[in-house]
PDB file of all heavy atoms in Angstrom:
ATOM      1  N   PHE A   1      20.960  -1.085  -5.609  1.00  0.00           N
ATOM      2  CA  PHE A   1      19.953  -0.239  -6.231  1.00  0.00           C
ATOM      3  C   PHE A   1      19.975  -0.351  -7.744  1.00  0.00           C
ATOM      4  O   PHE A   1      20.909  -0.878  -8.337  1.00  0.00           O
ATOM      5  CB  PHE A   1      20.155   1.223  -5.810  1.00  0.00           C
ATOM      6  CG  PHE A   1      19.961   1.444  -4.341  1.00  0.00           C
ATOM      7  CD1 PHE A   1      20.944   2.052  -3.588  1.00  0.00           C
ATOM      8  CD2 PHE A   1      18.799   1.026  -3.713  1.00  0.00           C
ATOM      9  CE1 PHE A   1      20.768   2.256  -2.231  1.00  0.00           C
ATOM     10  CE2 PHE A   1      18.614   1.229  -2.367  1.00  0.00           C
ATOM     11  CZ  PHE A   1      19.601   1.850  -1.609  1.00  0.00           C
ATOM     12  N   SER A   2      18.937   0.172  -8.377  1.00  0.00           N
ATOM     13  CA  SER A   2      18.774  -0.019  -9.816  1.00  0.00           C
ATOM     14  C   SER A   2      19.401   1.080 -10.671  1.00  0.00           C
ATOM     15  O   SER A   2      19.212   1.091 -11.876  1.00  0.00           O
ATOM     16  CB  SER A   2      17.285  -0.133 -10.165  1.00  0.00           C
ATOM     17  OG  SER A   2      16.589   1.020  -9.766  1.00  0.00           O
ATOM     18  N   GLU A   3      20.152   2.023 -10.065  1.00  0.00           N
ATOM     19  CA  GLU A   3      20.855   2.983 -10.894  1.00  0.00           C
ATOM     20  C   GLU A   3      21.934   2.269 -11.705  1.00  0.00           C
ATOM     21  O   GLU A   3      22.588   1.354 -11.205  1.00  0.00           O
ATOM     22  CB  GLU A   3      21.510   4.077 -10.040  1.00  0.00           C
ATOM     23  CG  GLU A   3      20.536   5.081  -9.452  1.00  0.00           C
ATOM     24  CD  GLU A   3      19.909   4.602  -8.156  1.00  0.00           C
ATOM     25  OE1 GLU A   3      20.181   3.445  -7.772  1.00  0.00           O
ATOM     26  OE2 GLU A   3      19.158   5.372  -7.552  1.00  0.00           O
ATOM     27  N   PRO A   4      22.136   2.669 -12.968  1.00  0.00           N
ATOM     28  CA  PRO A   4      23.197   2.042 -13.765  1.00  0.00           C
ATOM     29  C   PRO A   4      24.548   2.177 -13.078  1.00  0.00           C
ATOM     30  O   PRO A   4      24.892   3.237 -12.569  1.00  0.00           O
ATOM     31  CB  PRO A   4      23.163   2.841 -15.077  1.00  0.00           C
ATOM     32  CG  PRO A   4      21.804   3.448 -15.126  1.00  0.00           C
ATOM     33  CD  PRO A   4      21.411   3.716 -13.705  1.00  0.00           C
ATOM     34  N   SER A   5      25.276   1.110 -13.025  1.00  0.00           N
ATOM     35  CA  SER A   5      26.592   1.139 -12.391  1.00  0.00           C
ATOM     36  C   SER A   5      27.453   0.045 -12.977  1.00  0.00           C
ATOM     37  O   SER A   5      27.036  -1.102 -13.073  1.00  0.00           O
ATOM     38  CB  SER A   5      26.463   0.955 -10.876  1.00  0.00           C
ATOM     39  OG  SER A   5      27.738   0.889 -10.293  1.00  0.00           O
ATOM     40  N   MET A   6      28.674   0.410 -13.353  1.00  0.00           N
ATOM     41  CA  MET A   6      29.610  -0.567 -13.894  1.00  0.00           C
ATOM     42  C   MET A   6      30.511  -1.145 -12.817  1.00  0.00           C
ATOM     43  O   MET A   6      31.322  -2.019 -13.100  1.00  0.00           O
ATOM     44  CB  MET A   6      30.453   0.068 -14.997  1.00  0.00           C
ATOM     45  CG  MET A   6      29.682   0.383 -16.268  1.00  0.00           C
ATOM     46  SD  MET A   6      28.988  -1.087 -17.063  1.00  0.00           S
ATOM     47  CE  MET A   6      30.487  -1.920 -17.588  1.00  0.00           C
ATOM     48  N   ASP A   7      30.389  -0.664 -11.584  1.00  0.00           N
ATOM     49  CA  ASP A   7      31.323  -1.107 -10.552  1.00  0.00           C
ATOM     50  C   ASP A   7      30.684  -2.077  -9.560  1.00  0.00           C
ATOM     51  O   ASP A   7      31.227  -2.316  -8.487  1.00  0.00           O
ATOM     52  CB  ASP A   7      31.917   0.092  -9.809  1.00  0.00           C
ATOM     53  CG  ASP A   7      30.870   0.912  -9.058  1.00  0.00           C
ATOM     54  OD1 ASP A   7      29.672   0.581  -9.161  1.00  0.00           O
ATOM     55  OD2 ASP A   7      31.262   1.880  -8.393  1.00  0.00           O
ATOM     56  N   LYS A   8      29.521  -2.637  -9.913  1.00  0.00           N
ATOM     57  CA  LYS A   8      28.924  -3.659  -9.071  1.00  0.00           C
ATOM     58  C   LYS A   8      28.113  -4.616  -9.935  1.00  0.00           C
ATOM     59  O   LYS A   8      27.645  -4.281 -11.019  1.00  0.00           O
ATOM     60  CB  LYS A   8      28.053  -3.050  -7.970  1.00  0.00           C
ATOM     61  CG  LYS A   8      26.912  -2.179  -8.444  1.00  0.00           C
ATOM     62  CD  LYS A   8      26.213  -1.543  -7.239  1.00  0.00           C
ATOM     63  CE  LYS A   8      25.114  -0.594  -7.696  1.00  0.00           C
ATOM     64  NZ  LYS A   8      24.457   0.059  -6.546  1.00  0.00           N
ATOM     65  N   VAL A   9      27.972  -5.845  -9.424  1.00  0.00           N
ATOM     66  CA  VAL A   9      27.275  -6.880 -10.169  1.00  0.00           C
ATOM     67  C   VAL A   9      26.467  -7.741  -9.202  1.00  0.00           C
ATOM     68  O   VAL A   9      26.911  -8.032  -8.091  1.00  0.00           O
ATOM     69  CB  VAL A   9      28.272  -7.742 -10.984  1.00  0.00           C
ATOM     70  CG1 VAL A   9      29.302  -8.396 -10.079  1.00  0.00           C
ATOM     71  CG2 VAL A   9      27.548  -8.802 -11.807  1.00  0.00           C
ATOM     72  N   LEU A  10      25.279  -8.124  -9.618  1.00  0.00           N
ATOM     73  CA  LEU A  10      24.433  -9.032  -8.856  1.00  0.00           C
ATOM     74  C   LEU A  10      24.586 -10.436  -9.425  1.00  0.00           C
ATOM     75  O   LEU A  10      24.474 -10.643 -10.641  1.00  0.00           O
ATOM     76  CB  LEU A  10      22.969  -8.591  -8.934  1.00  0.00           C
ATOM     77  CG  LEU A  10      21.934  -9.523  -8.291  1.00  0.00           C
ATOM     78  CD1 LEU A  10      22.165  -9.628  -6.789  1.00  0.00           C
ATOM     79  CD2 LEU A  10      20.524  -9.029  -8.580  1.00  0.00           C
ATOM     80  N   VAL A  11      24.839 -11.411  -8.555  1.00  0.00           N
ATOM     81  CA  VAL A  11      25.021 -12.802  -8.975  1.00  0.00           C
ATOM     82  C   VAL A  11      23.942 -13.665  -8.337  1.00  0.00           C
ATOM     83  O   VAL A  11      23.749 -13.620  -7.115  1.00  0.00           O
ATOM     84  CB  VAL A  11      26.413 -13.330  -8.574  1.00  0.00           C
ATOM     85  CG1 VAL A  11      26.566 -14.791  -8.984  1.00  0.00           C
ATOM     86  CG2 VAL A  11      27.504 -12.474  -9.203  1.00  0.00           C
ATOM     87  N   LEU A  12      23.250 -14.458  -9.149  1.00  0.00           N
ATOM     88  CA  LEU A  12      22.264 -15.416  -8.653  1.00  0.00           C
ATOM     89  C   LEU A  12      22.811 -16.820  -8.871  1.00  0.00           C
ATOM     90  O   LEU A  12      23.071 -17.234 -10.003  1.00  0.00           O
ATOM     91  CB  LEU A  12      20.939 -15.261  -9.398  1.00  0.00           C
ATOM     92  CG  LEU A  12      19.818 -16.191  -8.933  1.00  0.00           C
ATOM     93  CD1 LEU A  12      19.284 -15.734  -7.582  1.00  0.00           C
ATOM     94  CD2 LEU A  12      18.689 -16.239  -9.961  1.00  0.00           C
ATOM     95  N   ASP A  13      22.974 -17.566  -7.777  1.00  0.00           N
ATOM     96  CA  ASP A  13      23.550 -18.909  -7.843  1.00  0.00           C
ATOM     97  C   ASP A  13      22.582 -19.883  -7.138  1.00  0.00           C
ATOM     98  O   ASP A  13      22.536 -19.939  -5.919  1.00  0.00           O
ATOM     99  CB  ASP A  13      24.919 -18.910  -7.159  1.00  0.00           C
ATOM    100  CG  ASP A  13      25.720 -20.171  -7.409  1.00  0.00           C
ATOM    101  OD1 ASP A  13      25.205 -21.057  -8.106  1.00  0.00           O
ATOM    102  OD2 ASP A  13      26.851 -20.256  -6.900  1.00  0.00           O
ATOM    103  N   SER A  14      21.786 -20.653  -7.848  1.00  0.00           N
ATOM    104  CA  SER A  14      21.825 -20.777  -9.292  1.00  0.00           C
ATOM    105  C   SER A  14      20.402 -20.763  -9.835  1.00  0.00           C
ATOM    106  O   SER A  14      19.434 -20.916  -9.084  1.00  0.00           O
ATOM    107  CB  SER A  14      22.492 -22.104  -9.670  1.00  0.00           C
ATOM    108  OG  SER A  14      21.674 -23.196  -9.240  1.00  0.00           O
ATOM    109  N   ALA A  15      20.282 -20.636 -11.167  1.00  0.00           N
ATOM    110  CA  ALA A  15      18.972 -20.720 -11.809  1.00  0.00           C
ATOM    111  C   ALA A  15      18.368 -22.103 -11.621  1.00  0.00           C
ATOM    112  O   ALA A  15      17.149 -22.250 -11.502  1.00  0.00           O
ATOM    113  CB  ALA A  15      19.112 -20.397 -13.295  1.00  0.00           C
ATOM    114  N   THR A  16      19.215 -23.109 -11.593  1.00  0.00           N
ATOM    115  CA  THR A  16      18.741 -24.480 -11.406  1.00  0.00           C
ATOM    116  C   THR A  16      18.086 -24.639 -10.032  1.00  0.00           C
ATOM    117  O   THR A  16      16.983 -25.176  -9.907  1.00  0.00           O
ATOM    118  CB  THR A  16      19.907 -25.465 -11.543  1.00  0.00           C
ATOM    119  OG1 THR A  16      20.611 -25.193 -12.758  1.00  0.00           O
ATOM    120  CG2 THR A  16      19.416 -26.899 -11.538  1.00  0.00           C
ATOM    121  N   GLN A  17      18.769 -24.160  -8.994  1.00  0.00           N
ATOM    122  CA  GLN A  17      18.224 -24.263  -7.640  1.00  0.00           C
ATOM    123  C   GLN A  17      16.973 -23.396  -7.495  1.00  0.00           C
ATOM    124  O   GLN A  17      16.011 -23.789  -6.828  1.00  0.00           O
ATOM    125  CB  GLN A  17      19.276 -23.837  -6.613  1.00  0.00           C
ATOM    126  CG  GLN A  17      18.858 -24.004  -5.161  1.00  0.00           C
ATOM    127  CD  GLN A  17      18.656 -25.464  -4.785  1.00  0.00           C
ATOM    128  OE1 GLN A  17      19.339 -26.340  -5.308  1.00  0.00           O
ATOM    129  NE2 GLN A  17      17.726 -25.725  -3.884  1.00  0.00           N
ATOM    130  N   LEU A  18      16.977 -22.229  -8.141  1.00  0.00           N
ATOM    131  CA  LEU A  18      15.798 -21.365  -8.082  1.00  0.00           C
ATOM    132  C   LEU A  18      14.593 -22.052  -8.710  1.00  0.00           C
ATOM    133  O   LEU A  18      13.483 -21.986  -8.172  1.00  0.00           O
ATOM    134  CB  LEU A  18      16.081 -20.046  -8.792  1.00  0.00           C
ATOM    135  CG  LEU A  18      14.909 -19.062  -8.850  1.00  0.00           C
ATOM    136  CD1 LEU A  18      14.483 -18.643  -7.449  1.00  0.00           C
ATOM    137  CD2 LEU A  18      15.267 -17.838  -9.692  1.00  0.00           C
ATOM    138  N   SER A  19      14.793 -22.718  -9.848  1.00  0.00           N
ATOM    139  CA  SER A  19      13.696 -23.432 -10.509  1.00  0.00           C
ATOM    140  C   SER A  19      13.105 -24.496  -9.592  1.00  0.00           C
ATOM    141  O   SER A  19      11.881 -24.627  -9.469  1.00  0.00           O
ATOM    142  CB  SER A  19      14.192 -24.082 -11.796  1.00  0.00           C
ATOM    143  OG  SER A  19      14.650 -23.111 -12.710  1.00  0.00           O
ATOM    144  N   ASN A  20      13.977 -25.269  -8.946  1.00  0.00           N
ATOM    145  CA  ASN A  20      13.519 -26.316  -8.032  1.00  0.00           C
ATOM    146  C   ASN A  20      12.781 -25.721  -6.839  1.00  0.00           C
ATOM    147  O   ASN A  20      11.755 -26.252  -6.383  1.00  0.00           O
ATOM    148  CB  ASN A  20      14.700 -27.146  -7.546  1.00  0.00           C
ATOM    149  CG  ASN A  20      15.364 -27.938  -8.658  1.00  0.00           C
ATOM    150  OD1 ASN A  20      14.746 -28.229  -9.677  1.00  0.00           O
ATOM    151  ND2 ASN A  20      16.628 -28.286  -8.468  1.00  0.00           N
ATOM    152  N   SER A  21      13.304 -24.607  -6.337  1.00  0.00           N
ATOM    153  CA  SER A  21      12.703 -23.966  -5.173  1.00  0.00           C
ATOM    154  C   SER A  21      11.321 -23.393  -5.508  1.00  0.00           C
ATOM    155  O   SER A  21      10.372 -23.521  -4.727  1.00  0.00           O
ATOM    156  CB  SER A  21      13.628 -22.857  -4.662  1.00  0.00           C
ATOM    157  OG  SER A  21      13.128 -22.285  -3.473  1.00  0.00           O
ATOM    158  N   ILE A  22      11.204 -22.766  -6.673  1.00  0.00           N
ATOM    159  CA  ILE A  22       9.911 -22.214  -7.091  1.00  0.00           C
ATOM    160  C   ILE A  22       8.886 -23.324  -7.268  1.00  0.00           C
ATOM    161  O   ILE A  22       7.729 -23.202  -6.846  1.00  0.00           O
ATOM    162  CB  ILE A  22      10.062 -21.397  -8.387  1.00  0.00           C
ATOM    163  CG1 ILE A  22      10.813 -20.092  -8.107  1.00  0.00           C
ATOM    164  CG2 ILE A  22       8.697 -21.101  -9.004  1.00  0.00           C
ATOM    165  CD1 ILE A  22      11.131 -19.274  -9.342  1.00  0.00           C
ATOM    166  N   LEU A  23       9.297 -24.429  -7.879  1.00  0.00           N
ATOM    167  CA  LEU A  23       8.364 -25.543  -8.058  1.00  0.00           C
ATOM    168  C   LEU A  23       7.897 -26.080  -6.712  1.00  0.00           C
ATOM    169  O   LEU A  23       6.703 -26.355  -6.514  1.00  0.00           O
ATOM    170  CB  LEU A  23       9.028 -26.654  -8.875  1.00  0.00           C
ATOM    171  CG  LEU A  23       8.131 -27.844  -9.228  1.00  0.00           C
ATOM    172  CD1 LEU A  23       6.935 -27.405 -10.064  1.00  0.00           C
ATOM    173  CD2 LEU A  23       8.927 -28.930  -9.954  1.00  0.00           C
ATOM    174  N   ALA A  24       8.832 -26.211  -5.767  1.00  0.00           N
ATOM    175  CA  ALA A  24       8.455 -26.675  -4.425  1.00  0.00           C
ATOM    176  C   ALA A  24       7.496 -25.683  -3.765  1.00  0.00           C
ATOM    177  O   ALA A  24       6.541 -26.088  -3.081  1.00  0.00           O
ATOM    178  CB  ALA A  24       9.703 -26.858  -3.573  1.00  0.00           C
ATOM    179  N   MET A  25       7.723 -24.380  -3.983  1.00  0.00           N
ATOM    180  CA  MET A  25       6.871 -23.351  -3.375  1.00  0.00           C
ATOM    181  C   MET A  25       5.445 -23.412  -3.922  1.00  0.00           C
ATOM    182  O   MET A  25       4.476 -23.401  -3.154  1.00  0.00           O
ATOM    183  CB  MET A  25       7.467 -21.964  -3.621  1.00  0.00           C
ATOM    184  CG  MET A  25       6.642 -20.820  -3.064  1.00  0.00           C
ATOM    185  SD  MET A  25       7.395 -19.203  -3.377  1.00  0.00           S
ATOM    186  CE  MET A  25       7.143 -19.068  -5.159  1.00  0.00           C
ATOM    187  N   VAL A  26       5.304 -23.494  -5.253  1.00  0.00           N
ATOM    188  CA  VAL A  26       3.961 -23.485  -5.833  1.00  0.00           C
ATOM    189  C   VAL A  26       3.217 -24.784  -5.502  1.00  0.00           C
ATOM    190  O   VAL A  26       1.993 -24.779  -5.320  1.00  0.00           O
ATOM    191  CB  VAL A  26       4.007 -23.243  -7.355  1.00  0.00           C
ATOM    192  CG1 VAL A  26       4.616 -21.881  -7.663  1.00  0.00           C
ATOM    193  CG2 VAL A  26       4.753 -24.326  -8.093  1.00  0.00           C
ATOM    194  N   MET A  27       3.947 -25.902  -5.399  1.00  0.00           N
ATOM    195  CA  MET A  27       3.308 -27.160  -5.020  1.00  0.00           C
ATOM    196  C   MET A  27       2.863 -27.122  -3.560  1.00  0.00           C
ATOM    197  O   MET A  27       1.798 -27.642  -3.207  1.00  0.00           O
ATOM    198  CB  MET A  27       4.261 -28.332  -5.257  1.00  0.00           C
ATOM    199  CG  MET A  27       4.500 -28.635  -6.723  1.00  0.00           C
ATOM    200  SD  MET A  27       5.665 -30.010  -6.982  1.00  0.00           S
ATOM    201  CE  MET A  27       4.728 -31.385  -6.274  1.00  0.00           C
ATOM    202  N   LYS A  28       3.660 -26.484  -2.721  1.00  0.00           N
ATOM    203  CA  LYS A  28       3.301 -26.365  -1.309  1.00  0.00           C
ATOM    204  C   LYS A  28       2.043 -25.519  -1.146  1.00  0.00           C
ATOM    205  O   LYS A  28       1.140 -25.870  -0.375  1.00  0.00           O
ATOM    206  CB  LYS A  28       4.476 -25.750  -0.536  1.00  0.00           C
ATOM    207  CG  LYS A  28       4.271 -25.697   0.967  1.00  0.00           C
ATOM    208  CD  LYS A  28       5.527 -25.173   1.655  1.00  0.00           C
ATOM    209  CE  LYS A  28       5.357 -25.147   3.166  1.00  0.00           C
ATOM    210  NZ  LYS A  28       6.599 -24.646   3.843  1.00  0.00           N
ATOM    211  N   VAL A  29       1.976 -24.418  -1.882  1.00  0.00           N
ATOM    212  CA  VAL A  29       0.791 -23.556  -1.831  1.00  0.00           C
ATOM    213  C   VAL A  29      -0.448 -24.309  -2.306  1.00  0.00           C
ATOM    214  O   VAL A  29      -1.550 -24.125  -1.779  1.00  0.00           O
ATOM    215  CB  VAL A  29       1.018 -22.291  -2.696  1.00  0.00           C
ATOM    216  CG1 VAL A  29      -0.278 -21.505  -2.847  1.00  0.00           C
ATOM    217  CG2 VAL A  29       2.094 -21.410  -2.069  1.00  0.00           C
TER     218      VAL A  29
END
C-alpha cells in the first residue's frame, strides 16, 4: 500500500527489461 513506511521496500528488476517489454507491447498493439 501507499502509506509511508520505512519497514518495506518495492523492488523492480529491471528497468532495462521493462523498457524492452513496453516497446514490444506498443509495437504489438
